Amino acid sequence: MKLEVFDPPMCCSSGVCEPDVDPALTQFAADLEGLNRRGVEVCRYNLAHEPMAFARNTTVRDELQADEGCLPLVLLNGKIVSKCAYPSGEFLASVIAEETEHVS
């Protein structure tokens, strides 16, 4: 199970180094850490620091060409599960559970 997060340009993934800390972004980072502890491979890419990760992924590249405002973009096993906003931990847990059922 692999969850990939493609963040818009920002100084760091937690958002705590921004002038105005976004509590939703901080919660999202904690949710990802929890998923990682439960065995989900979590990869996170920041457009400002890792533009080649965006360019190499055809799904992300195509989505950005269709809608420049699609970030953040969240993929589970290569499929888009969320775009334009950070999803809740509950939502991520539900799509992961659903994907696990399909794989089993």
Protein backbone atom coordinates (compact mmCIF):
# COMPACT_ATOMS: atom_id res chain seq x y z
CA MET A 1 0.00 0.00 0.00
CA LYS A 2 1.59 3.26 -1.13
CA LEU A 3 0.22 6.73 -0.43
CA GLU A 4 1.82 9.62 -2.31
CA VAL A 5 1.19 13.27 -1.51
CA PHE A 6 2.10 15.96 -4.04
CA ASP A 7 2.16 19.25 -2.15
CA PRO A 8 2.02 22.75 -3.60
CA PRO A 9 5.20 24.82 -3.19
CA MET A 10 5.85 25.56 0.48
CA CYS A 11 8.85 25.73 2.75
CA CYS A 12 8.17 22.42 4.54
CA SER A 13 5.60 19.62 4.57
CA SER A 14 4.40 20.24 8.12
CA GLY A 15 3.56 23.87 7.45
CA VAL A 16 4.99 24.94 10.81
CA CYS A 17 7.65 27.10 9.20
CA GLU A 18 5.08 29.23 7.36
CA PRO A 19 4.17 32.63 8.87
CA ASP A 20 0.63 31.40 9.59
CA VAL A 21 0.61 27.79 10.77
CA ASP A 22 -2.31 25.91 9.22
CA PRO A 23 -3.70 23.49 11.83
CA ALA A 24 -5.22 21.33 9.08
CA LEU A 25 -1.78 20.86 7.53
CA THR A 26 -0.29 19.97 10.90
CA GLN A 27 -3.09 17.44 11.49
CA PHE A 28 -2.56 15.99 8.00
CA ALA A 29 1.15 15.46 8.75
CA ALA A 30 0.20 13.65 11.98
CA ASP A 31 -2.36 11.52 10.11
CA LEU A 32 0.30 10.51 7.57
CA GLU A 33 2.68 9.56 10.35
CA GLY A 34 -0.03 7.37 11.90
CA LEU A 35 -0.66 5.64 8.57
CA ASN A 36 3.06 5.08 8.15
CA ARG A 37 3.26 3.46 11.61
CA ARG A 38 0.43 1.13 10.54
CA GLY A 39 2.46 -0.07 7.55
CA VAL A 40 1.34 2.25 4.76
CA GLU A 41 4.27 3.49 2.68
CA VAL A 42 3.95 7.28 2.64
CA CYS A 43 5.88 9.42 0.15
CA ARG A 44 5.51 13.17 0.14
CA TYR A 45 6.77 15.55 -2.53
CA ASN A 46 6.94 19.34 -2.45
CA LEU A 47 6.76 21.13 -5.80
CA ALA A 48 9.26 23.75 -4.61
CA HIS A 49 11.88 21.15 -3.66
CA GLU A 50 11.18 18.08 -5.83
CA PRO A 51 9.74 19.23 -9.17
CA MET A 52 11.06 16.15 -10.97
CA ALA A 53 8.80 13.89 -8.88
CA PHE A 54 5.85 15.80 -10.35
CA ALA A 55 7.25 15.65 -13.88
CA ARG A 56 8.02 11.91 -13.74
CA ASN A 57 4.55 10.87 -12.57
CA THR A 58 2.24 10.85 -15.60
CA THR A 59 -0.93 10.93 -13.48
CA VAL A 60 0.26 14.02 -11.61
CA ARG A 61 1.62 15.67 -14.73
CA ASP A 62 -1.67 15.13 -16.62
CA GLU A 63 -3.74 16.41 -13.71
CA LEU A 64 -1.58 19.55 -13.40
CA GLN A 65 -1.95 20.21 -17.11
CA ALA A 66 -5.73 19.88 -16.84
CA ASP A 67 -6.06 21.86 -13.60
CA GLU A 68 -3.17 23.93 -12.24
CA GLY A 69 -5.04 24.31 -8.95
CA CYS A 70 -5.26 20.57 -8.23
CA LEU A 71 -2.58 20.55 -5.52
CA PRO A 72 -2.39 19.02 -3.03
CA LEU A 73 -2.88 15.80 -4.92
CA VAL A 74 -3.05 12.48 -3.05
CA LEU A 75 -2.57 9.14 -4.81
CA LEU A 76 -3.13 5.68 -3.37
CA ASN A 77 -1.38 2.95 -5.32
CA GLY A 78 -1.11 5.33 -8.27
CA LYS A 79 -4.77 6.41 -8.33
CA ILE A 80 -6.01 9.87 -7.36
CA VAL A 81 -8.04 9.75 -4.15
CA SER A 82 -8.01 13.47 -3.29
CA LYS A 83 -7.17 16.76 -4.93
CA CYS A 84 -7.34 20.50 -4.17
CA ALA A 85 -7.43 19.96 -0.37
CA TYR A 86 -5.82 17.86 2.33
CA PRO A 87 -8.13 14.96 3.20
CA SER A 88 -8.95 13.98 6.77
CA GLY A 89 -7.35 11.02 8.46
CA GLU A 90 -10.75 9.34 8.55
CA PHE A 91 -11.12 9.70 4.78
CA LEU A 92 -7.63 8.30 4.17
CA ALA A 93 -8.30 5.37 6.50
CA SER A 94 -11.54 4.59 4.65
CA VAL A 95 -9.98 4.62 1.16
CA ILE A 96 -7.08 2.51 2.42
CA ALA A 97 -9.51 0.00 3.96
CA GLU A 98 -11.49 -0.10 0.71
CA GLU A 99 -8.31 -0.64 -1.32
CA THR A 100 -7.23 -3.40 1.06
CA GLU A 101 -10.56 -5.17 0.53
CA HIS A 102 -10.10 -5.00 -3.26
CA VAL A 103 -6.57 -6.40 -3.06
CA SER A 104 -7.55 -9.29 -0.74
